Amino acid sequence: MRKATLRLALLIAACVLGASFAPSVALAASAETTPVVAGALDVQLWPGAAAGQGVVIIAVTIPQDAKLPARVKIPVPAGAVVDWAGEIDTDATGDIERPRSIEKGKSGSYAVFDLVASRQAQLELSGLPLAQNGDTYSIKLDYVQTAPAGETGFSVRLPAGASDVQISPTPASGPDKNDVGES
């Protein structure tokens, strides 16, 4: 049995724009009627989730005291294509796709859309090539914090049976496994 090696690289820019904003602060948007709200971001990288590529899911949860509707800005990593943007419900059948615009800031692109019914927004992105060299697979996520966030967390979802995993930079804690053996 061949053992596959998975090598991952996350490049995280040190320009954390949200550092000066508390997560519960609503930012007034010029010429916009819906306030922009910074929340907690969760960035998930799924290598091989689609044939030959990685999928990125970026979710933002806005504070409970933020008023709806609220406008969110979610970073779009370089090279990624937005496949879906919208509000997340506790049950996936209640998810609501929202129209979004992609805007460019000084550090890169971000998606902008409004939350009307939920406090959680999500982007689903594809287009990150999964490189293969023999039994070794690698993927690179060039992530830049292009929109304010109270905090940003990163996770990598690995296929069941992945071995010799190398993540750069080194994660703060070891992997957790789900019911189907994914880390």
Protein backbone atom coordinates (compact mmCIF):
# COMPACT_ATOMS: atom_id res chain seq x y z
CA MET A 1 0.00 0.00 0.00
CA ARG A 2 1.36 3.40 -0.97
CA LYS A 3 1.60 6.05 1.65
CA ALA A 4 0.61 9.51 0.45
CA THR A 5 2.34 12.57 1.80
CA LEU A 6 0.40 15.80 2.08
CA ARG A 7 2.29 19.07 2.30
CA LEU A 8 0.38 22.26 3.05
CA ALA A 9 1.54 25.85 3.14
CA LEU A 10 -0.43 28.73 4.56
CA LEU A 11 0.97 32.19 3.98
CA ILE A 12 -0.65 34.58 6.39
CA ALA A 13 0.11 38.26 5.92
CA ALA A 14 0.89 40.18 9.03
CA CYS A 15 -1.49 42.93 8.04
CA VAL A 16 -4.27 42.06 10.46
CA LEU A 17 -6.54 44.95 9.65
CA GLY A 18 -9.05 44.06 12.32
CA ALA A 19 -6.61 44.35 15.20
CA SER A 20 -7.70 47.87 15.97
CA PHE A 21 -11.42 47.03 15.89
CA ALA A 22 -13.34 45.25 18.61
CA PRO A 23 -15.49 42.45 17.18
CA SER A 24 -18.69 44.10 18.34
CA VAL A 25 -18.02 47.49 16.77
CA ALA A 26 -20.16 48.40 13.78
CA LEU A 27 -18.18 50.44 11.28
CA ALA A 28 -20.02 53.22 9.53
CA ALA A 29 -19.77 52.80 5.78
CA SER A 30 -19.57 55.90 3.66
CA ALA A 31 -22.49 56.20 1.25
CA GLU A 32 -23.90 52.86 2.43
CA THR A 33 -27.06 52.44 4.46
CA THR A 34 -26.19 49.03 5.93
CA PRO A 35 -23.44 49.13 8.58
CA VAL A 36 -20.33 46.99 8.07
CA VAL A 37 -19.80 44.65 11.02
CA ALA A 38 -16.50 42.93 11.82
CA GLY A 39 -16.82 39.45 13.30
CA ALA A 40 -14.78 36.34 13.99
CA LEU A 41 -13.43 34.63 10.85
CA ASP A 42 -12.91 30.89 10.43
CA VAL A 43 -10.80 29.83 7.42
CA GLN A 44 -10.96 26.13 6.44
CA LEU A 45 -8.73 24.62 3.76
CA TRP A 46 -9.87 21.29 2.29
CA PRO A 47 -7.12 19.84 0.06
CA GLY A 48 -8.55 17.49 -2.56
CA ALA A 49 -12.19 18.30 -1.75
CA ALA A 50 -12.68 18.69 -5.50
CA ALA A 51 -10.73 16.75 -8.12
CA GLY A 52 -7.23 18.20 -8.42
CA GLN A 53 -7.90 21.24 -6.27
CA GLY A 54 -8.49 22.52 -2.81
CA VAL A 55 -11.61 24.17 -1.53
CA VAL A 56 -11.60 27.03 0.97
CA ILE A 57 -14.53 27.85 3.20
CA ILE A 58 -14.40 31.16 5.03
CA ALA A 59 -17.10 31.89 7.58
CA VAL A 60 -17.68 34.98 9.66
CA THR A 61 -19.84 35.14 12.77
CA ILE A 62 -20.97 38.62 13.77
CA PRO A 63 -21.64 39.55 17.41
CA GLN A 64 -25.06 38.91 18.95
CA ASP A 65 -25.54 42.62 19.66
CA ALA A 66 -25.01 43.64 16.01
CA LYS A 67 -28.22 44.76 14.35
CA LEU A 68 -29.48 43.08 11.19
CA PRO A 69 -29.27 43.76 8.35
CA ALA A 70 -25.48 43.94 8.59
CA ARG A 71 -22.90 44.12 5.83
CA VAL A 72 -19.92 41.77 6.02
CA LYS A 73 -16.57 41.81 4.24
CA ILE A 74 -14.82 38.47 3.82
CA PRO A 75 -11.28 38.08 2.39
CA VAL A 76 -10.94 36.30 -0.97
CA PRO A 77 -7.50 34.64 -1.24
CA ALA A 78 -5.49 35.22 -4.41
CA GLY A 79 -6.29 32.66 -7.10
CA ALA A 80 -9.54 31.53 -5.48
CA VAL A 81 -12.92 31.67 -7.22
CA VAL A 82 -16.08 32.44 -5.22
CA ASP A 83 -18.56 29.62 -5.90
CA TRP A 84 -21.14 30.55 -3.26
CA ALA A 85 -21.75 33.34 -0.77
CA GLY A 86 -24.54 33.62 1.72
CA GLU A 87 -26.05 33.19 5.15
CA ILE A 88 -25.65 29.97 7.08
CA ASP A 89 -28.47 28.42 9.06
CA THR A 90 -28.17 25.66 11.67
CA ASP A 91 -29.62 23.33 9.02
CA ALA A 92 -27.98 23.48 5.56
CA THR A 93 -31.42 23.43 3.91
CA GLY A 94 -32.00 26.89 5.39
CA ASP A 95 -28.84 28.46 3.92
CA ILE A 96 -29.58 31.57 1.86
CA GLU A 97 -27.42 32.53 -1.10
CA ARG A 98 -26.80 36.28 -1.23
CA PRO A 99 -25.68 38.50 -4.10
CA ARG A 100 -22.14 39.68 -3.47
CA SER A 101 -19.65 42.05 -4.96
CA ILE A 102 -15.91 41.51 -5.04
CA GLU A 103 -13.98 44.63 -4.12
CA LYS A 104 -10.27 45.37 -4.08
CA GLY A 105 -8.50 46.88 -1.11
CA LYS A 106 -4.86 47.86 -0.66
CA SER A 107 -3.90 44.30 0.34
CA GLY A 108 -6.19 42.25 -1.90
CA SER A 109 -9.79 41.34 -2.65
CA TYR A 110 -12.77 40.74 -0.40
CA ALA A 111 -16.42 39.81 -0.90
CA VAL A 112 -19.15 42.14 0.37
CA PHE A 113 -22.76 41.16 1.06
CA ASP A 114 -25.54 41.67 3.57
CA LEU A 115 -26.79 39.41 6.35
CA VAL A 116 -30.54 39.75 6.82
CA ALA A 117 -31.68 36.62 8.67
CA SER A 118 -28.56 35.10 10.25
CA ARG A 119 -25.42 36.08 12.14
CA GLN A 120 -23.18 33.76 10.15
CA ALA A 121 -21.94 34.40 6.62
CA GLN A 122 -19.93 32.02 4.47
CA LEU A 123 -17.92 31.99 1.26
CA GLU A 124 -17.17 28.78 -0.60
CA LEU A 125 -14.16 29.11 -2.87
CA SER A 126 -12.40 26.81 -5.32
CA GLY A 127 -9.54 27.07 -7.78
CA LEU A 128 -6.52 26.35 -5.59
CA PRO A 129 -4.43 23.76 -7.46
CA LEU A 130 -3.52 20.57 -5.63
CA ALA A 131 -0.05 19.65 -6.91
CA GLN A 132 1.05 16.02 -7.07
CA ASN A 133 4.62 14.73 -7.24
CA GLY A 134 4.54 10.93 -6.97
CA ASP A 135 2.86 10.15 -3.64
CA THR A 136 3.26 13.70 -2.36
CA TYR A 137 0.45 16.24 -2.64
CA SER A 138 0.81 19.91 -1.80
CA ILE A 139 -1.42 22.95 -1.76
CA LYS A 140 -0.71 26.57 -0.98
CA LEU A 141 -3.18 29.10 0.39
CA ASP A 142 -1.99 32.70 0.05
CA TYR A 143 -4.20 34.32 2.67
CA VAL A 144 -4.15 38.06 3.36
CA GLN A 145 -6.41 39.62 5.98
CA THR A 146 -8.05 42.06 3.55
CA ALA A 147 -11.07 42.86 5.74
CA PRO A 148 -11.40 43.68 9.46
CA ALA A 149 -11.97 40.79 11.87
CA GLY A 150 -12.08 40.49 15.62
CA GLU A 151 -10.10 37.25 15.34
CA THR A 152 -9.19 34.79 12.59
CA GLY A 153 -8.81 31.03 13.04
CA PHE A 154 -7.39 28.55 10.52
CA SER A 155 -8.00 24.84 10.08
CA VAL A 156 -7.00 22.26 7.50
CA ARG A 157 -9.30 19.32 6.81
CA LEU A 158 -7.26 16.30 5.80
CA PRO A 159 -8.54 13.20 4.02
CA ALA A 160 -8.77 9.98 6.04
CA GLY A 161 -5.48 8.09 5.84
CA ALA A 162 -3.29 11.12 5.12
CA SER A 163 0.17 10.60 6.55
CA ASP A 164 3.45 12.45 6.81
CA VAL A 165 1.52 15.70 7.02
CA GLN A 166 3.60 18.88 7.03
CA ILE A 167 1.90 22.20 7.69
CA SER A 168 3.74 25.49 7.48
CA PRO A 169 3.58 27.48 9.67
CA THR A 170 3.35 24.83 12.37
CA PRO A 171 -0.16 24.72 13.94
CA ALA A 172 -0.64 25.56 17.61
CA SER A 173 -2.23 22.18 18.40
CA GLY A 174 -2.40 18.64 17.05
CA PRO A 175 -5.11 17.40 14.69
CA ASP A 176 -8.58 16.36 15.79
CA LYS A 177 -10.33 13.52 13.94
CA ASN A 178 -13.98 13.31 12.95
CA ASP A 179 -16.21 10.20 12.72
CA VAL A 180 -14.92 9.26 9.25
CA GLY A 181 -11.24 9.59 10.15
CA GLU A 182 -10.61 12.99 8.62
CA SER A 183 -8.30 15.32 10.54
